[in-house]
N, C-alpha and C. Protein backbone atom coordinates (compact mmCIF):
# COMPACT_ATOMS: atom_id res chain seq x y z
N MET A 1 0.88 -1.02 0.18
CA MET A 1 0.07 -0.29 -0.36
C MET A 1 0.87 1.09 0.06
N THR A 2 0.52 2.13 -0.75
CA THR A 2 1.60 3.51 -1.18
C THR A 2 1.18 4.22 -0.32
N VAL A 3 1.92 5.01 0.48
CA VAL A 3 1.54 5.55 1.43
C VAL A 3 2.42 6.80 1.34
N HIS A 4 2.00 8.35 1.13
CA HIS A 4 3.09 9.51 0.34
C HIS A 4 2.87 10.50 2.02
N PHE A 5 3.60 11.53 2.33
CA PHE A 5 3.68 12.32 3.14
C PHE A 5 3.77 13.58 2.75
N GLU A 6 2.88 14.42 3.37
CA GLU A 6 2.78 15.92 2.75
C GLU A 6 2.79 16.75 4.46
N GLU A 7 3.39 17.90 4.35
CA GLU A 7 3.42 18.82 5.39
C GLU A 7 2.34 19.93 4.64
N LYS A 8 1.51 20.41 5.51
CA LYS A 8 0.17 21.25 5.09
C LYS A 8 0.05 22.06 6.23
N LYS A 9 0.06 23.17 5.69
CA LYS A 9 -0.29 24.85 6.54
C LYS A 9 -1.69 24.40 6.92
N SER A 10 -1.69 25.34 7.92
CA SER A 10 -3.11 25.19 8.32
C SER A 10 -4.03 25.83 7.55
N PHE A 11 -5.53 25.36 7.13
CA PHE A 11 -6.11 25.54 6.23
C PHE A 11 -7.72 25.62 6.52
N THR A 12 -8.05 26.47 5.75
CA THR A 12 -10.12 26.91 6.27
C THR A 12 -11.03 25.83 5.33
N VAL A 13 -11.87 25.23 6.14
CA VAL A 13 -12.91 24.53 5.33
C VAL A 13 -14.53 25.30 6.17
N ILE A 14 -15.15 25.30 4.92
CA ILE A 14 -16.39 25.74 5.22
C ILE A 14 -17.41 25.13 4.90
N GLY A 15 -18.50 24.30 5.52
CA GLY A 15 -19.13 23.18 5.36
C GLY A 15 -20.18 23.36 6.59
N LYS A 16 -21.25 21.75 6.51
CA LYS A 16 -22.22 21.76 7.12
C LYS A 16 -21.64 20.56 8.07
N VAL A 17 -21.91 21.06 9.67
CA VAL A 17 -21.15 20.34 10.09
C VAL A 17 -22.62 19.01 11.07
N GLY A 18 -21.93 17.48 11.68
CA GLY A 18 -22.89 17.09 12.30
C GLY A 18 -21.81 16.51 13.34
N GLN A 19 -22.44 15.76 14.54
CA GLN A 19 -22.00 15.16 15.62
C GLN A 19 -23.23 13.65 15.62
N GLY A 20 -22.04 12.46 16.37
CA GLY A 20 -22.46 11.20 16.70
C GLY A 20 -21.34 10.57 17.14
N LEU A 21 -22.35 9.02 16.95
CA LEU A 21 -21.25 8.27 17.70
C LEU A 21 -20.38 7.43 16.53
N ALA A 22 -19.36 7.35 17.24
CA ALA A 22 -18.29 6.84 16.38
C ALA A 22 -18.61 5.49 15.38
N ALA A 23 -19.25 5.01 16.26
CA ALA A 23 -19.85 3.53 15.69
C ALA A 23 -20.77 3.66 14.97
N GLU A 24 -21.44 4.43 14.84
CA GLU A 24 -22.79 5.01 13.88
C GLU A 24 -22.45 5.58 13.12
N SER A 25 -21.33 6.03 12.62
CA SER A 25 -20.83 7.50 11.66
C SER A 25 -21.28 7.21 10.33
N LEU A 26 -21.51 5.49 9.81
CA LEU A 26 -22.14 5.12 8.49
C LEU A 26 -23.55 5.58 8.91
N ASN A 27 -23.75 5.84 9.58
CA ASN A 27 -25.70 6.72 9.48
C ASN A 27 -26.15 7.73 9.58
N TRP A 28 -24.93 8.29 10.32
CA TRP A 28 -25.35 10.02 10.29
C TRP A 28 -24.32 11.07 9.50
N ILE A 29 -23.44 10.31 9.14
CA ILE A 29 -22.29 11.28 8.25
C ILE A 29 -23.39 11.33 6.43
N PRO A 30 -23.72 10.53 6.34
CA PRO A 30 -24.01 10.86 4.85
C PRO A 30 -25.17 12.36 4.19
N ALA A 31 -26.22 12.06 5.60
CA ALA A 31 -26.59 13.30 5.37
C ALA A 31 -26.05 14.59 5.28
N ILE A 32 -25.19 14.90 5.99
CA ILE A 32 -23.76 15.92 6.37
C ILE A 32 -23.89 16.15 5.20
N TRP A 33 -23.66 14.93 4.17
CA TRP A 33 -23.02 15.49 2.69
C TRP A 33 -23.96 16.03 2.08
N GLN A 34 -25.21 14.98 2.27
CA GLN A 34 -26.15 15.45 1.36
C GLN A 34 -26.54 16.80 1.83
N GLU A 35 -26.54 17.34 2.92
CA GLU A 35 -27.07 18.75 2.78
C GLU A 35 -25.58 19.56 2.44
N ALA A 36 -24.58 19.31 2.63
CA ALA A 36 -23.78 20.48 2.21
C ALA A 36 -23.62 20.48 0.50
N ASN A 37 -24.21 18.96 -0.09
CA ASN A 37 -24.26 18.93 -1.47
C ASN A 37 -25.22 19.76 -2.22
N ASN A 38 -26.15 19.82 -1.65
CA ASN A 38 -27.70 20.38 -1.95
C ASN A 38 -27.56 21.43 -1.71
N LYS A 39 -26.82 22.31 -0.43
CA LYS A 39 -26.69 24.02 -0.48
C LYS A 39 -25.33 24.65 -0.99
N PHE A 40 -24.39 23.67 -1.55
CA PHE A 40 -22.99 24.01 -2.47
C PHE A 40 -22.82 25.37 -2.93
N GLU A 41 -24.12 25.61 -3.70
CA GLU A 41 -24.21 27.32 -4.41
C GLU A 41 -24.05 28.43 -2.95
N GLU A 42 -24.25 27.96 -2.29
CA GLU A 42 -24.35 29.03 -1.37
C GLU A 42 -22.57 29.70 -0.83
N ILE A 43 -22.04 28.59 -0.69
CA ILE A 43 -20.72 28.61 -1.03
C ILE A 43 -19.73 28.71 -2.03
N ARG A 44 -20.24 28.47 -3.41
CA ARG A 44 -19.02 28.49 -4.05
C ARG A 44 -18.41 29.24 -4.30
N GLU A 45 -19.05 30.58 -4.38
CA GLU A 45 -17.85 31.87 -4.70
C GLU A 45 -16.91 32.09 -3.47
N LEU A 46 -16.81 31.15 -2.75
CA LEU A 46 -16.05 31.68 -1.18
C LEU A 46 -14.45 30.01 -1.55
N ALA A 47 -15.17 29.12 -2.46
CA ALA A 47 -13.99 27.68 -2.59
C ALA A 47 -12.75 28.67 -3.37
N LYS A 48 -11.53 28.04 -2.57
CA LYS A 48 -10.27 28.21 -2.98
C LYS A 48 -10.39 27.80 -4.36
N THR A 49 -9.94 28.07 -5.28
CA THR A 49 -9.75 27.42 -6.66
C THR A 49 -8.22 27.65 -7.31
N ASP A 50 -7.66 26.81 -7.98
CA ASP A 50 -6.55 26.67 -8.56
C ASP A 50 -6.42 27.78 -9.77
N ASN A 51 -5.16 27.73 -10.54
CA ASN A 51 -5.00 28.75 -11.47
C ASN A 51 -6.00 28.72 -12.81
N GLU A 52 -6.47 27.47 -13.29
CA GLU A 52 -7.55 27.01 -14.19
C GLU A 52 -9.02 27.39 -13.56
N GLY A 53 -9.31 27.65 -12.43
CA GLY A 53 -10.45 28.11 -11.52
C GLY A 53 -11.00 26.55 -11.24
N ASN A 54 -10.67 25.64 -10.77
CA ASN A 54 -10.63 24.27 -10.54
C ASN A 54 -10.79 24.76 -8.90
N ILE A 55 -11.85 24.10 -7.89
CA ILE A 55 -12.04 23.90 -6.81
C ILE A 55 -10.69 23.05 -6.30
N VAL A 56 -10.19 23.34 -4.97
CA VAL A 56 -8.86 22.98 -4.57
C VAL A 56 -9.34 21.82 -3.74
N GLY A 57 -10.13 21.65 -3.26
CA GLY A 57 -10.28 20.52 -1.74
C GLY A 57 -11.50 20.30 -1.37
N ILE A 58 -12.44 19.28 -1.55
CA ILE A 58 -13.51 18.99 -1.02
C ILE A 58 -12.78 18.13 0.63
N TRP A 59 -13.35 18.35 1.46
CA TRP A 59 -13.01 17.80 2.38
C TRP A 59 -14.29 17.13 3.76
N GLY A 60 -13.82 16.03 4.21
CA GLY A 60 -14.80 15.93 5.02
C GLY A 60 -13.61 16.04 6.26
N ALA A 61 -13.82 16.43 7.07
CA ALA A 61 -12.96 17.43 8.48
C ALA A 61 -13.36 16.32 9.64
N MET A 62 -12.34 16.27 10.45
CA MET A 62 -13.04 15.58 11.25
C MET A 62 -12.41 16.42 12.56
N SER A 63 -13.11 15.91 13.81
CA SER A 63 -12.62 16.55 14.85
C SER A 63 -13.29 15.72 16.17
N ASP A 64 -12.73 15.87 17.70
CA ASP A 64 -13.70 15.72 18.44
C ASP A 64 -14.71 16.84 18.79
N ILE A 65 -15.37 15.90 19.82
CA ILE A 65 -16.68 16.92 20.34
C ILE A 65 -16.41 18.51 20.79
N SER A 66 -15.00 18.71 21.17
CA SER A 66 -14.90 20.07 21.34
C SER A 66 -13.97 20.63 20.63
N GLU A 67 -14.49 20.49 18.95
CA GLU A 67 -13.45 21.07 18.07
C GLU A 67 -12.09 21.27 18.59
N SER A 68 -11.06 20.98 19.08
CA SER A 68 -9.78 21.07 19.08
C SER A 68 -9.13 20.11 18.20
N PHE A 69 -9.75 19.39 17.46
CA PHE A 69 -9.33 18.70 16.28
C PHE A 69 -8.35 17.48 16.82
N GLU A 70 -8.84 17.09 18.09
CA GLU A 70 -8.17 15.72 18.68
C GLU A 70 -9.16 14.53 18.14
N ARG A 71 -8.69 13.53 18.33
CA ARG A 71 -9.26 12.20 17.39
C ARG A 71 -10.40 11.89 17.97
N TRP A 72 -10.97 11.06 17.33
CA TRP A 72 -12.68 10.75 18.03
C TRP A 72 -12.05 10.12 19.38
N THR A 73 -13.61 9.95 20.29
CA THR A 73 -13.72 8.93 21.01
C THR A 73 -14.73 8.21 20.45
N ASP A 74 -15.34 8.37 21.73
CA ASP A 74 -17.31 7.28 20.92
C ASP A 74 -18.07 8.14 20.08
N GLN A 75 -17.29 9.47 20.22
CA GLN A 75 -18.05 10.59 19.66
C GLN A 75 -16.99 11.69 18.66
N GLY A 76 -17.55 12.08 18.14
CA GLY A 76 -17.03 13.01 16.90
C GLY A 76 -17.56 13.99 16.21
N LYS A 77 -17.47 15.05 15.35
CA LYS A 77 -17.89 15.78 14.72
C LYS A 77 -17.53 15.82 13.30
N TYR A 78 -18.00 15.62 12.87
CA TYR A 78 -17.66 15.61 10.68
C TYR A 78 -18.55 17.14 10.12
N LEU A 79 -17.21 17.36 9.54
CA LEU A 79 -17.52 18.45 8.76
C LEU A 79 -17.48 18.10 7.01
N ALA A 80 -18.46 18.50 6.40
CA ALA A 80 -18.39 18.19 5.22
C ALA A 80 -18.29 19.50 4.31
N GLY A 81 -17.28 19.54 3.66
CA GLY A 81 -17.19 20.98 2.98
C GLY A 81 -15.85 21.12 2.57
N CYS A 82 -16.39 22.09 2.01
CA CYS A 82 -14.98 22.99 0.75
C CYS A 82 -14.22 23.65 1.11
N GLU A 83 -12.58 23.58 0.94
CA GLU A 83 -11.67 24.56 1.31
C GLU A 83 -11.86 25.64 0.73
N VAL A 84 -11.82 26.80 1.01
CA VAL A 84 -11.82 28.10 1.48
C VAL A 84 -10.73 29.32 1.55
N LEU A 85 -11.00 30.64 0.92
CA LEU A 85 -10.06 31.06 1.24
C LEU A 85 -9.65 31.49 2.76
N GLU A 86 -8.86 31.97 3.44
CA GLU A 86 -8.49 32.07 5.06
C GLU A 86 -9.40 33.09 5.60
N ASN A 87 -9.84 34.39 4.83
CA ASN A 87 -10.64 35.11 5.35
C ASN A 87 -12.27 35.05 4.99
N SER A 88 -12.52 34.35 4.56
CA SER A 88 -13.91 33.83 4.21
C SER A 88 -15.21 33.90 5.57
N THR A 89 -15.81 34.62 5.53
CA THR A 89 -17.00 34.37 6.46
C THR A 89 -18.24 33.18 5.86
N ALA A 90 -18.36 32.31 7.07
CA ALA A 90 -19.27 31.31 6.51
C ALA A 90 -20.63 31.89 6.45
N PRO A 91 -21.69 31.56 5.59
CA PRO A 91 -22.91 32.04 5.64
C PRO A 91 -23.55 31.27 6.51
N ILE A 92 -25.12 32.14 6.85
CA ILE A 92 -25.46 31.31 7.53
C ILE A 92 -26.12 29.93 7.70
N GLY A 93 -26.00 29.51 8.79
CA GLY A 93 -25.81 27.74 8.56
C GLY A 93 -24.97 26.88 8.14
N TRP A 94 -23.82 27.48 8.33
CA TRP A 94 -22.60 26.97 7.66
C TRP A 94 -21.50 26.91 8.74
N ILE A 95 -20.60 26.03 9.04
CA ILE A 95 -19.52 26.50 9.92
C ILE A 95 -18.47 26.50 8.88
N LYS A 96 -17.52 27.03 9.71
CA LYS A 96 -15.78 27.63 9.40
C LYS A 96 -15.11 26.71 10.81
N TRP A 97 -14.20 26.04 10.04
CA TRP A 97 -13.05 25.54 10.57
C TRP A 97 -11.98 25.46 10.28
N ILE A 98 -10.71 26.16 10.96
CA ILE A 98 -9.61 26.48 10.51
C ILE A 98 -8.74 25.05 11.08
N ILE A 99 -8.31 24.18 10.23
CA ILE A 99 -7.51 22.99 10.20
C ILE A 99 -6.13 23.27 10.71
N PRO A 100 -5.54 22.74 11.73
CA PRO A 100 -4.19 23.22 12.30
C PRO A 100 -2.89 22.69 11.13
N SER A 101 -1.84 23.41 11.11
CA SER A 101 -0.75 22.71 10.45
C SER A 101 -0.32 21.39 10.89
N TYR A 102 -0.08 20.42 10.07
CA TYR A 102 0.30 19.25 10.18
C TYR A 102 0.96 18.81 9.36
N LYS A 103 2.02 17.83 9.55
CA LYS A 103 2.65 16.66 9.01
C LYS A 103 1.75 15.85 8.85
N TYR A 104 1.58 15.27 7.34
CA TYR A 104 0.53 14.19 7.43
C TYR A 104 1.07 12.90 6.65
N ALA A 105 0.70 11.83 7.24
CA ALA A 105 0.58 10.27 6.41
C ALA A 105 -0.28 10.29 5.53
N VAL A 106 -0.26 10.14 4.43
CA VAL A 106 -1.63 10.03 3.30
C VAL A 106 -1.86 8.68 2.69
N ILE A 107 -2.59 8.11 2.63
CA ILE A 107 -3.15 7.28 1.89
C ILE A 107 -4.40 7.04 0.95
N LYS A 108 -4.40 6.85 -0.21
CA LYS A 108 -5.91 6.11 -1.15
C LYS A 108 -6.20 5.59 -0.87
N CYS A 109 -7.68 6.16 -0.94
CA CYS A 109 -9.15 4.43 -0.88
C CYS A 109 -9.62 4.50 -1.52
N ASN A 110 -10.87 3.80 -1.27
CA ASN A 110 -12.66 3.96 -1.84
C ASN A 110 -13.07 3.35 -0.77
N GLN A 111 -14.88 3.05 -0.85
CA GLN A 111 -15.57 3.28 0.01
C GLN A 111 -15.40 1.97 0.55
N ASN A 112 -15.02 1.22 -0.87
CA ASN A 112 -14.81 -0.24 -0.35
C ASN A 112 -13.73 -0.75 0.45
N THR A 113 -12.55 0.06 0.09
CA THR A 113 -11.25 -0.24 0.79
C THR A 113 -11.19 1.01 2.28
N TYR A 114 -11.76 1.76 2.54
CA TYR A 114 -11.33 2.69 3.49
C TYR A 114 -11.62 2.04 4.75
N GLN A 115 -11.80 1.10 5.41
CA GLN A 115 -12.24 0.77 6.73
C GLN A 115 -10.57 -0.16 6.93
N GLU A 116 -10.32 -0.93 5.31
CA GLU A 116 -9.33 -2.02 5.61
C GLU A 116 -7.86 -0.66 5.42
N LYS A 117 -7.91 0.37 4.98
CA LYS A 117 -7.04 1.10 4.95
C LYS A 117 -6.76 2.14 5.70
N PHE A 118 -7.69 2.34 6.40
CA PHE A 118 -7.90 2.91 7.95
C PHE A 118 -7.23 2.06 9.20
N ASN A 119 -7.63 1.01 8.96
CA ASN A 119 -6.60 -0.11 10.22
C ASN A 119 -5.32 -0.37 9.67
N TYR A 120 -5.21 -0.29 8.22
CA TYR A 120 -3.52 -1.12 8.00
C TYR A 120 -2.73 0.49 8.66
N MET A 121 -3.13 1.61 8.69
CA MET A 121 -2.72 2.73 8.90
C MET A 121 -1.93 2.85 10.13
N ILE A 122 -3.49 2.47 11.25
CA ILE A 122 -3.38 2.44 12.67
C ILE A 122 -2.64 1.67 13.10
N HIS A 123 -2.63 0.06 12.71
CA HIS A 123 -2.22 -0.56 13.57
C HIS A 123 -0.98 -1.64 13.10
N GLU A 124 -0.59 -1.02 11.93
CA GLU A 124 0.15 -1.53 10.73
C GLU A 124 1.48 -0.14 10.53
N PHE A 125 1.14 0.55 9.25
CA PHE A 125 2.01 1.23 9.23
C PHE A 125 2.90 2.40 9.69
N LEU A 126 1.87 3.00 10.84
CA LEU A 126 2.16 4.12 11.69
C LEU A 126 3.08 3.52 12.62
N PRO A 127 2.44 2.53 13.76
CA PRO A 127 3.49 2.37 14.70
C PRO A 127 4.74 1.38 14.25
N ASP A 128 4.89 0.78 12.62
CA ASP A 128 5.94 -0.05 12.26
C ASP A 128 7.35 1.12 12.06
N ASN A 129 6.48 2.29 11.64
CA ASN A 129 7.99 3.24 11.38
C ASN A 129 7.78 4.42 12.21
N ASN A 130 7.39 3.76 13.35
CA ASN A 130 7.38 4.72 14.84
C ASN A 130 6.98 6.34 14.64
N TYR A 131 5.62 6.00 14.31
CA TYR A 131 4.77 7.45 14.25
C TYR A 131 3.58 7.58 14.69
N SER A 132 3.09 8.52 15.73
CA SER A 132 1.95 8.14 16.16
C SER A 132 1.17 9.44 16.16
N ILE A 133 -0.35 9.48 16.10
CA ILE A 133 -1.27 10.34 15.52
C ILE A 133 -2.04 11.27 16.47
N VAL A 134 -1.20 12.59 15.51
CA VAL A 134 -1.46 13.81 16.61
C VAL A 134 -2.85 14.77 16.73
N GLY A 135 -3.36 13.93 16.12
CA GLY A 135 -4.78 14.55 15.77
C GLY A 135 -6.10 14.08 14.95
N ALA A 136 -6.97 14.52 14.94
CA ALA A 136 -8.15 14.05 13.69
C ALA A 136 -7.85 13.31 12.42
N VAL A 137 -8.47 12.77 11.91
CA VAL A 137 -7.99 12.02 10.84
C VAL A 137 -9.12 12.93 9.73
N HIS A 138 -8.55 13.29 8.60
CA HIS A 138 -9.44 14.19 8.07
C HIS A 138 -9.35 13.48 6.37
N GLU A 139 -10.66 13.45 5.93
CA GLU A 139 -10.86 12.69 4.40
C GLU A 139 -10.94 14.27 3.29
N TYR A 140 -9.82 13.74 2.08
CA TYR A 140 -9.47 14.82 1.04
C TYR A 140 -9.93 13.84 -0.36
N TYR A 141 -10.96 15.03 -0.63
CA TYR A 141 -11.71 14.67 -1.96
C TYR A 141 -11.45 15.23 -2.93
N ASN A 142 -10.40 15.15 -4.40
CA ASN A 142 -9.97 15.70 -4.92
C ASN A 142 -10.97 15.90 -6.27
N PRO A 143 -11.21 17.30 -6.00
CA PRO A 143 -12.74 17.56 -7.13
C PRO A 143 -12.20 16.97 -8.79
N LEU A 144 -10.85 16.82 -9.14
CA LEU A 144 -10.62 16.46 -10.20
C LEU A 144 -10.67 15.07 -10.59
N GLU A 145 -10.79 14.22 -9.44
CA GLU A 145 -10.94 12.59 -9.68
C GLU A 145 -12.01 12.24 -9.42
N THR A 146 -13.08 12.00 -10.61
CA THR A 146 -14.41 11.50 -10.27
C THR A 146 -14.69 9.91 -10.64
N ASN A 147 -13.74 9.36 -9.65
CA ASN A 147 -13.46 7.84 -10.10
C ASN A 147 -13.77 7.60 -8.39
N GLY A 148 -14.09 8.08 -7.50
CA GLY A 148 -14.77 7.54 -6.23
C GLY A 148 -13.70 8.00 -4.93
N ASP A 149 -12.59 8.09 -5.50
CA ASP A 149 -11.38 7.58 -4.41
C ASP A 149 -11.43 8.82 -3.52
N LEU A 150 -10.54 8.66 -2.60
CA LEU A 150 -10.38 9.69 -1.55
C LEU A 150 -9.25 9.28 -0.97
N TYR A 151 -8.60 10.54 0.01
CA TYR A 151 -7.54 10.56 0.22
C TYR A 151 -8.03 10.63 2.12
N LEU A 152 -7.31 9.51 2.99
CA LEU A 152 -6.92 9.84 4.34
C LEU A 152 -6.16 10.62 4.97
N TYR A 153 -6.03 11.70 5.47
CA TYR A 153 -4.92 12.32 6.12
C TYR A 153 -5.16 12.13 7.41
N PHE A 154 -3.96 11.69 7.90
CA PHE A 154 -3.44 10.68 9.48
C PHE A 154 -2.32 12.38 9.48
N PRO A 155 -2.83 13.22 10.94
CA PRO A 155 -1.67 13.79 11.51
C PRO A 155 -1.02 13.11 11.99
N ILE A 156 0.67 13.09 11.64
CA ILE A 156 1.45 12.21 12.66
C ILE A 156 2.58 13.17 13.28
N GLU A 157 3.35 12.60 14.32
CA GLU A 157 4.75 12.95 14.54
C GLU A 157 5.74 11.68 15.06
N ILE A 158 6.41 12.23 14.79
CA ILE A 158 7.70 10.48 15.11
C ILE A 158 7.67 10.45 16.64
N THR A 159 7.85 9.18 16.80
CA THR A 159 7.24 8.84 18.80
C THR A 159 8.87 8.75 18.95
N GLY A 160 8.64 8.87 20.28
CA GLY A 160 9.74 8.64 20.84
C GLY A 160 10.80 9.76 21.46
């Protein structure tokens, strides 16, 4: 399994947020995406774009329930949204999160391989390479890739 590393400065996401039990995330997260997608036009002009005008990133950002970007415990928060310019103001009904800077270990997956790749990172790759997770894992969806793939971003630091 291919893992790459990425240093990512703090970035801003505006989206729709939900909270629920980690064990039931497959039951409550899809509704958040549906709401965000249905109302995307409300934030389209805030989206960060590349030189060709393409949106740079759609994120499933995660945080603990205190919104300090710690890993989920039995509950968590999930923000389905779009990367925006730092000074953007969230419209009414939308939430703005500023994700802290981290070094990330990143692995590509799809909905069918999500759990397998997540478990591989947690139980094999990171411990075998002396890394520990230092925050919530995020999902990145590249708008230019329409094949259903996504990337899991694990914020890491070297253990020891």
